[in-house]
Amino acid sequence: MVAAPNGHRAFSPSSERVWQADRYAWDMAGKRDVESDRLAVLAGEASAEAAIQAAAMAPEFEQSLNVPPDLTAAAFFDVDNTMMMGASIFHFARGLAARKYFSSSDLAGFVWQQLKFRVGGREDPESVKASREQALSFVSGRSVAELVSLGEEIYDELMADRIWKGTQALAQMHLDAGQRVWLVTATPVELAQIIARRLGLTGALGTVSESENGVYTGRLVGDLLHGKAKAQAVRSLAAKEGLNLRRCTAYSDSSNDVPMLSVVGTAVAVNPDSQLREVSRRKGWEIRDFRTGRKAAKIGVPSVLGVGALAGAVAATMAYRRRVK
């Protein structure tokens, strides 16, 4: 045992090495947190800027209202399992697979990685990194115009009938009150904007992929719009648009979106996973469930409706490939 000064407990050489290893792990964890926060800020600000630019190109919002606009209040809706049954990126992947953009084994690998990321309920740095890389593999080297056109087609084929009517009615309630309504999602911003446009909403905050000369580079601006990045995007948009966040409302199904739900004055859990249901009860947040009682009772992990959609997508795609071989 090595003597310790000032009466503190002494350490053996072996325990000293363990302590140093723990300290290194803590330091690295701190650095990862700082880097994660930096990327979240970049992602949020990039998403807010993209959303405002896209909205500026759309027909003037106030002209479409039959009531005076409420300029300081807005509503923010998550997409996957909140506005849409299942996950939008998976429906998009199914559409791309049907067009032979990648193989059924590629789709199965993508599904598995995204499941670990989205259904885990907690953010794991390695899963987030892998999910990011999988998402980028969709678009790298492809033109923005091509994927936007495909997104329009795939929305009509696979997404339009999957909108939760109850959630759509909530969004319309805010529009009827003269408020802007934004989608907030980890889905690529171009696809998110298509969904928002088809639903008659103001616009969308989504993951921004870098592009040069109209072609995706395979890099993100910041990171996926997930967790803390969603909250940052909402704050950034509010600052740019002059919104009073205390007068704003946010809706989500996932405990991953607690940061976003916490930055607004009114939070509503829609089709909540078990963790968000518990948080909502503790915080006194409203809960809306548009699933049937049987479906809701079965749900014990986040985004399980997306899991079913994914499993069906993989099975159908593989069966199709076997038939055409």
Protein backbone atom coordinates (compact mmCIF):
# COMPACT_ATOMS: atom_id res chain seq x y z
CA MET A 1 0.00 0.00 0.00
CA VAL A 2 1.32 3.44 -0.95
CA ALA A 3 1.18 6.09 1.78
CA ALA A 4 -1.28 8.88 1.10
CA PRO A 5 -0.65 12.49 2.20
CA ASN A 6 -3.01 14.60 4.31
CA GLY A 7 -4.71 11.59 5.86
CA HIS A 8 -6.48 10.54 2.65
CA ARG A 9 -6.98 6.87 1.88
CA ALA A 10 -3.92 5.20 0.37
CA PHE A 11 -4.02 3.43 -3.00
CA SER A 12 -2.15 0.36 -4.12
CA PRO A 13 -0.48 0.55 -7.55
CA SER A 14 -3.24 -1.65 -8.98
CA SER A 15 -6.06 0.48 -7.54
CA GLU A 16 -4.25 3.58 -8.79
CA ARG A 17 -4.34 2.16 -12.31
CA VAL A 18 -8.06 1.45 -11.96
CA TRP A 19 -8.65 4.99 -10.71
CA GLN A 20 -6.70 6.44 -13.64
CA ALA A 21 -8.70 4.29 -16.05
CA ASP A 22 -11.97 5.47 -14.51
CA ARG A 23 -10.83 9.07 -14.68
CA TYR A 24 -9.93 8.64 -18.35
CA ALA A 25 -13.36 7.12 -19.02
CA TRP A 26 -15.05 10.04 -17.26
CA ASP A 27 -12.97 12.55 -19.20
CA MET A 28 -13.81 10.84 -22.50
CA ALA A 29 -17.49 10.73 -21.58
CA GLY A 30 -17.37 14.45 -20.87
CA LYS A 31 -15.73 15.12 -24.22
CA ARG A 32 -18.35 13.02 -25.98
CA ASP A 33 -21.10 14.99 -24.24
CA VAL A 34 -19.54 18.27 -25.36
CA GLU A 35 -19.19 17.01 -28.93
CA SER A 36 -22.74 15.66 -28.87
CA ASP A 37 -24.04 19.03 -27.69
CA ARG A 38 -22.05 20.82 -30.41
CA LEU A 39 -23.45 18.56 -33.14
CA ALA A 40 -26.97 18.93 -31.73
CA VAL A 41 -26.69 22.71 -31.95
CA LEU A 42 -25.41 22.53 -35.53
CA ALA A 43 -28.16 20.09 -36.52
CA GLY A 44 -30.86 22.19 -34.87
CA GLU A 45 -29.75 25.46 -36.40
CA ALA A 46 -29.31 23.91 -39.86
CA SER A 47 -32.75 22.35 -39.66
CA ALA A 48 -34.39 25.62 -38.59
CA GLU A 49 -32.69 27.50 -41.42
CA ALA A 50 -33.75 24.89 -43.98
CA ALA A 51 -37.31 24.96 -42.67
CA ILE A 52 -37.57 28.73 -42.91
CA GLN A 53 -36.11 28.78 -46.44
CA ALA A 54 -38.55 26.12 -47.62
CA ALA A 55 -41.51 27.86 -45.99
CA ALA A 56 -40.53 31.14 -47.63
CA MET A 57 -40.85 29.49 -51.05
CA ALA A 58 -44.34 28.16 -50.25
CA PRO A 59 -47.56 30.17 -50.64
CA GLU A 60 -47.88 32.86 -47.98
CA PHE A 61 -49.13 31.14 -44.84
CA GLU A 62 -51.34 33.95 -43.57
CA GLN A 63 -53.21 34.11 -46.88
CA SER A 64 -54.42 30.52 -46.40
CA LEU A 65 -55.99 31.26 -43.01
CA ASN A 66 -59.58 32.25 -42.41
CA VAL A 67 -58.64 33.77 -39.04
CA PRO A 68 -56.07 36.37 -38.00
CA PRO A 69 -52.62 34.76 -37.63
CA ASP A 70 -51.32 34.09 -34.15
CA LEU A 71 -47.70 35.14 -34.66
CA THR A 72 -46.22 34.11 -31.32
CA ALA A 73 -47.65 30.58 -30.94
CA ALA A 74 -46.97 27.41 -32.92
CA ALA A 75 -47.31 23.63 -32.68
CA PHE A 76 -44.53 21.08 -33.21
CA PHE A 77 -45.34 17.48 -34.15
CA ASP A 78 -43.04 14.49 -34.20
CA VAL A 79 -43.72 12.28 -37.25
CA ASP A 80 -42.99 8.60 -36.62
CA ASN A 81 -45.83 6.96 -34.67
CA THR A 82 -47.12 10.41 -33.74
CA MET A 83 -48.34 11.82 -37.05
CA MET A 84 -47.76 8.63 -39.07
CA MET A 85 -48.18 4.93 -38.31
CA GLY A 86 -44.72 3.43 -38.36
CA ALA A 87 -41.54 5.23 -39.35
CA SER A 88 -41.38 7.45 -42.43
CA ILE A 89 -37.77 6.55 -43.25
CA PHE A 90 -38.69 2.86 -43.34
CA HIS A 91 -41.57 3.46 -45.72
CA PHE A 92 -39.17 5.45 -47.86
CA ALA A 93 -36.67 2.57 -47.73
CA ARG A 94 -39.37 0.15 -48.83
CA GLY A 95 -40.15 2.37 -51.80
CA LEU A 96 -36.49 2.57 -52.76
CA ALA A 97 -36.07 -1.21 -52.41
CA ALA A 98 -39.07 -1.78 -54.68
CA ARG A 99 -37.30 0.40 -57.25
CA LYS A 100 -34.15 -1.76 -56.85
CA TYR A 101 -32.05 1.00 -55.30
CA PHE A 102 -30.56 -1.64 -53.01
CA SER A 103 -30.94 -5.33 -52.21
CA SER A 104 -33.27 -7.01 -49.74
CA SER A 105 -30.26 -7.89 -47.56
CA ASP A 106 -29.29 -4.19 -47.51
CA LEU A 107 -32.83 -3.35 -46.43
CA ALA A 108 -32.79 -6.01 -43.72
CA GLY A 109 -29.49 -4.64 -42.37
CA PHE A 110 -30.85 -1.12 -42.40
CA VAL A 111 -34.00 -2.23 -40.60
CA TRP A 112 -32.05 -3.98 -37.86
CA GLN A 113 -29.73 -1.05 -37.23
CA GLN A 114 -32.56 1.47 -37.20
CA LEU A 115 -34.55 -0.74 -34.82
CA LYS A 116 -31.70 -0.78 -32.33
CA PHE A 117 -31.44 3.00 -32.59
CA ARG A 118 -35.12 3.94 -32.50
CA VAL A 119 -36.63 1.25 -30.28
CA GLY A 120 -33.93 1.20 -27.63
CA GLY A 121 -35.54 4.05 -25.75
CA ARG A 122 -32.13 5.51 -24.82
CA GLU A 123 -29.42 7.05 -26.89
CA ASP A 124 -26.33 4.88 -27.21
CA PRO A 125 -23.42 6.71 -28.95
CA GLU A 126 -22.46 3.70 -31.05
CA SER A 127 -26.04 3.05 -32.14
CA VAL A 128 -26.52 6.71 -33.02
CA LYS A 129 -23.30 6.66 -35.04
CA ALA A 130 -24.29 3.48 -36.87
CA SER A 131 -27.78 4.84 -37.54
CA ARG A 132 -26.27 8.02 -38.92
CA GLU A 133 -24.02 6.06 -41.27
CA GLN A 134 -26.94 3.93 -42.43
CA ALA A 135 -29.06 7.00 -43.10
CA LEU A 136 -26.28 8.61 -45.13
CA SER A 137 -25.88 5.48 -47.23
CA PHE A 138 -29.32 6.24 -48.64
CA VAL A 139 -28.37 9.49 -50.27
CA SER A 140 -24.62 9.71 -50.82
CA GLY A 141 -23.85 10.53 -54.45
CA ARG A 142 -27.49 10.94 -55.45
CA SER A 143 -29.09 14.14 -56.63
CA VAL A 144 -31.39 16.08 -54.32
CA ALA A 145 -33.97 16.51 -57.10
CA GLU A 146 -34.07 12.75 -57.75
CA LEU A 147 -34.77 11.85 -54.13
CA VAL A 148 -37.34 14.60 -53.72
CA SER A 149 -39.18 13.26 -56.76
CA LEU A 150 -38.99 9.71 -55.37
CA GLY A 151 -40.19 10.98 -52.00
CA GLU A 152 -43.31 12.43 -53.61
CA GLU A 153 -44.08 9.10 -55.29
CA ILE A 154 -43.38 6.99 -52.23
CA TYR A 155 -45.47 9.24 -49.99
CA ASP A 156 -48.50 8.63 -52.23
CA GLU A 157 -47.82 4.88 -52.39
CA LEU A 158 -46.91 4.01 -48.82
CA MET A 159 -47.45 6.91 -46.43
CA ALA A 160 -50.62 8.82 -47.27
CA ASP A 161 -52.89 6.11 -45.84
CA ARG A 162 -50.82 5.81 -42.66
CA ILE A 163 -51.53 9.25 -41.22
CA TRP A 164 -53.19 9.17 -37.81
CA LYS A 165 -56.46 11.01 -38.36
CA GLY A 166 -56.62 12.01 -34.70
CA THR A 167 -53.18 13.62 -34.82
CA GLN A 168 -54.00 15.32 -38.11
CA ALA A 169 -57.10 16.77 -36.45
CA LEU A 170 -54.93 18.16 -33.64
CA ALA A 171 -52.68 19.83 -36.21
CA GLN A 172 -55.72 21.28 -37.97
CA MET A 173 -56.94 22.65 -34.64
CA HIS A 174 -53.77 24.74 -34.40
CA LEU A 175 -54.05 25.86 -38.02
CA ASP A 176 -57.66 26.91 -37.41
CA ALA A 177 -56.42 29.02 -34.50
CA GLY A 178 -54.05 30.85 -36.85
CA GLN A 179 -50.94 29.11 -35.59
CA ARG A 180 -48.07 27.72 -37.60
CA VAL A 181 -47.62 23.94 -37.46
CA TRP A 182 -44.22 22.33 -37.95
CA LEU A 183 -43.15 18.71 -38.16
CA VAL A 184 -39.99 17.84 -36.19
CA THR A 185 -38.31 14.58 -37.16
CA ALA A 186 -35.03 12.70 -37.62
CA THR A 187 -36.21 11.88 -41.15
CA PRO A 188 -34.33 13.71 -43.95
CA VAL A 189 -35.63 17.24 -44.17
CA GLU A 190 -36.62 16.86 -47.83
CA LEU A 191 -38.93 13.94 -47.00
CA ALA A 192 -40.24 15.74 -43.92
CA GLN A 193 -41.11 18.76 -46.05
CA ILE A 194 -43.03 16.57 -48.50
CA ILE A 195 -45.10 15.13 -45.63
CA ALA A 196 -45.76 18.62 -44.24
CA ARG A 197 -46.75 19.97 -47.63
CA ARG A 198 -49.15 17.09 -48.34
CA LEU A 199 -50.80 17.61 -44.94
CA GLY A 200 -51.18 21.34 -45.50
CA LEU A 201 -48.84 22.25 -42.64
CA THR A 202 -46.44 25.17 -42.43
CA GLY A 203 -43.22 23.20 -42.88
CA ALA A 204 -40.81 20.75 -41.32
CA LEU A 205 -37.65 20.50 -39.26
CA GLY A 206 -35.64 17.43 -40.25
CA THR A 207 -32.14 16.01 -40.59
CA VAL A 208 -30.10 18.11 -43.02
CA SER A 209 -27.70 16.32 -45.37
CA GLU A 210 -24.95 18.33 -47.01
CA SER A 211 -25.12 18.75 -50.78
CA GLU A 212 -22.86 20.29 -53.40
CA ASN A 213 -24.12 21.29 -56.83
CA GLY A 214 -27.38 19.49 -56.10
CA VAL A 215 -25.71 16.19 -55.13
CA TYR A 216 -25.52 14.75 -51.62
CA THR A 217 -21.98 14.50 -50.27
CA GLY A 218 -22.73 11.76 -47.73
CA ARG A 219 -22.16 14.08 -44.77
CA LEU A 220 -24.64 15.56 -42.34
CA VAL A 221 -24.81 19.17 -41.23
CA GLY A 222 -24.30 18.55 -37.53
CA ASP A 223 -26.03 15.27 -36.69
CA LEU A 224 -29.34 13.45 -36.92
CA LEU A 225 -32.22 15.60 -35.69
CA HIS A 226 -32.83 13.43 -32.66
CA GLY A 227 -33.15 13.98 -28.92
CA LYS A 228 -31.38 17.18 -27.90
CA ALA A 229 -31.07 18.28 -31.53
CA LYS A 230 -34.85 18.42 -31.88
CA ALA A 231 -35.10 20.69 -28.85
CA GLN A 232 -32.36 22.91 -30.31
CA ALA A 233 -34.17 23.09 -33.66
CA VAL A 234 -37.38 24.20 -31.96
CA ARG A 235 -35.53 26.84 -29.93
CA SER A 236 -33.68 28.09 -33.00
CA LEU A 237 -36.85 28.31 -35.09
CA ALA A 238 -38.65 30.10 -32.27
CA ALA A 239 -35.86 32.67 -32.05
CA LYS A 240 -35.91 33.28 -35.81
CA GLU A 241 -39.71 33.43 -36.04
CA GLY A 242 -40.36 35.45 -32.88
CA LEU A 243 -42.30 32.66 -31.15
CA ASN A 244 -43.01 32.61 -27.44
CA LEU A 245 -42.16 29.02 -26.50
CA ARG A 246 -44.40 29.22 -23.43
CA ARG A 247 -47.34 29.65 -25.82
CA CYS A 248 -46.23 26.76 -28.05
CA THR A 249 -47.29 23.10 -28.00
CA ALA A 250 -45.33 19.95 -28.85
CA TYR A 251 -46.54 16.43 -29.56
CA SER A 252 -44.61 13.15 -29.57
CA ASP A 253 -44.90 9.41 -28.93
CA SER A 254 -41.34 8.82 -27.73
CA SER A 255 -39.40 9.33 -24.52
CA ASN A 256 -36.48 10.34 -26.75
CA ASP A 257 -38.41 13.57 -27.39
CA VAL A 258 -38.67 14.64 -23.76
CA PRO A 259 -36.08 17.41 -24.46
CA MET A 260 -38.34 18.87 -27.17
CA LEU A 261 -41.50 18.44 -25.11
CA SER A 262 -39.81 20.20 -22.22
CA VAL A 263 -38.95 23.43 -24.05
CA VAL A 264 -42.57 24.40 -24.81
CA GLY A 265 -45.39 25.54 -22.58
CA THR A 266 -47.70 22.62 -23.41
CA ALA A 267 -46.54 19.06 -24.00
CA VAL A 268 -48.82 16.29 -25.27
CA ALA A 269 -47.94 12.60 -25.46
CA VAL A 270 -49.54 10.97 -28.52
CA ASN A 271 -49.61 7.16 -28.73
CA PRO A 272 -46.88 7.21 -26.06
CA ASP A 273 -44.34 4.51 -25.40
CA SER A 274 -44.28 3.20 -21.84
CA GLN A 275 -41.47 5.51 -20.73
CA LEU A 276 -43.12 8.64 -22.11
CA ARG A 277 -46.44 7.62 -20.58
CA GLU A 278 -44.75 7.42 -17.19
CA VAL A 279 -42.98 10.78 -17.67
CA SER A 280 -46.24 12.38 -18.81
CA ARG A 281 -48.13 11.19 -15.76
CA ARG A 282 -45.37 12.45 -13.49
CA LYS A 283 -45.23 15.87 -15.16
CA GLY A 284 -48.97 16.22 -15.71
CA TRP A 285 -48.71 16.24 -19.51
CA GLU A 286 -51.81 15.42 -21.52
CA ILE A 287 -51.96 11.97 -23.13
CA ARG A 288 -53.76 11.22 -26.39
CA ASP A 289 -53.90 7.65 -27.70
CA PHE A 290 -55.37 7.01 -31.15
CA ARG A 291 -54.50 3.31 -31.22
CA THR A 292 -57.15 0.70 -30.50
CA GLY A 293 -57.24 -0.54 -26.92
CA ARG A 294 -55.81 -3.90 -28.00
CA LYS A 295 -52.88 -2.36 -29.83
CA ALA A 296 -52.13 0.11 -27.07
CA ALA A 297 -52.10 -2.65 -24.46
CA LYS A 298 -49.50 -4.58 -26.41
CA ILE A 299 -47.07 -1.73 -26.73
CA GLY A 300 -44.28 -1.97 -24.19
CA VAL A 301 -41.36 -0.48 -26.12
CA PRO A 302 -41.07 2.72 -28.16
CA SER A 303 -42.13 2.71 -31.80
CA VAL A 304 -43.31 -0.87 -31.89
CA LEU A 305 -45.75 -0.02 -34.67
CA GLY A 306 -42.70 0.82 -36.73
CA VAL A 307 -41.25 -2.58 -35.87
CA GLY A 308 -44.27 -4.31 -37.35
CA ALA A 309 -44.09 -2.22 -40.48
CA LEU A 310 -40.41 -3.01 -40.83
CA ALA A 311 -40.80 -6.73 -40.38
CA GLY A 312 -43.52 -6.75 -43.01
CA ALA A 313 -41.42 -4.65 -45.33
CA VAL A 314 -38.44 -6.97 -45.15
CA ALA A 315 -40.56 -10.09 -45.60
CA ALA A 316 -42.45 -8.64 -48.54
CA THR A 317 -39.32 -7.41 -50.24
CA MET A 318 -37.51 -10.71 -49.85
CA ALA A 319 -40.54 -12.63 -51.12
CA TYR A 320 -40.72 -10.34 -54.13
CA ARG A 321 -37.06 -10.86 -54.92
CA ARG A 322 -37.49 -14.65 -54.74
CA ARG A 323 -40.37 -14.48 -57.20
CA VAL A 324 -38.52 -12.44 -59.80
CA LYS A 325 -35.30 -14.49 -59.67
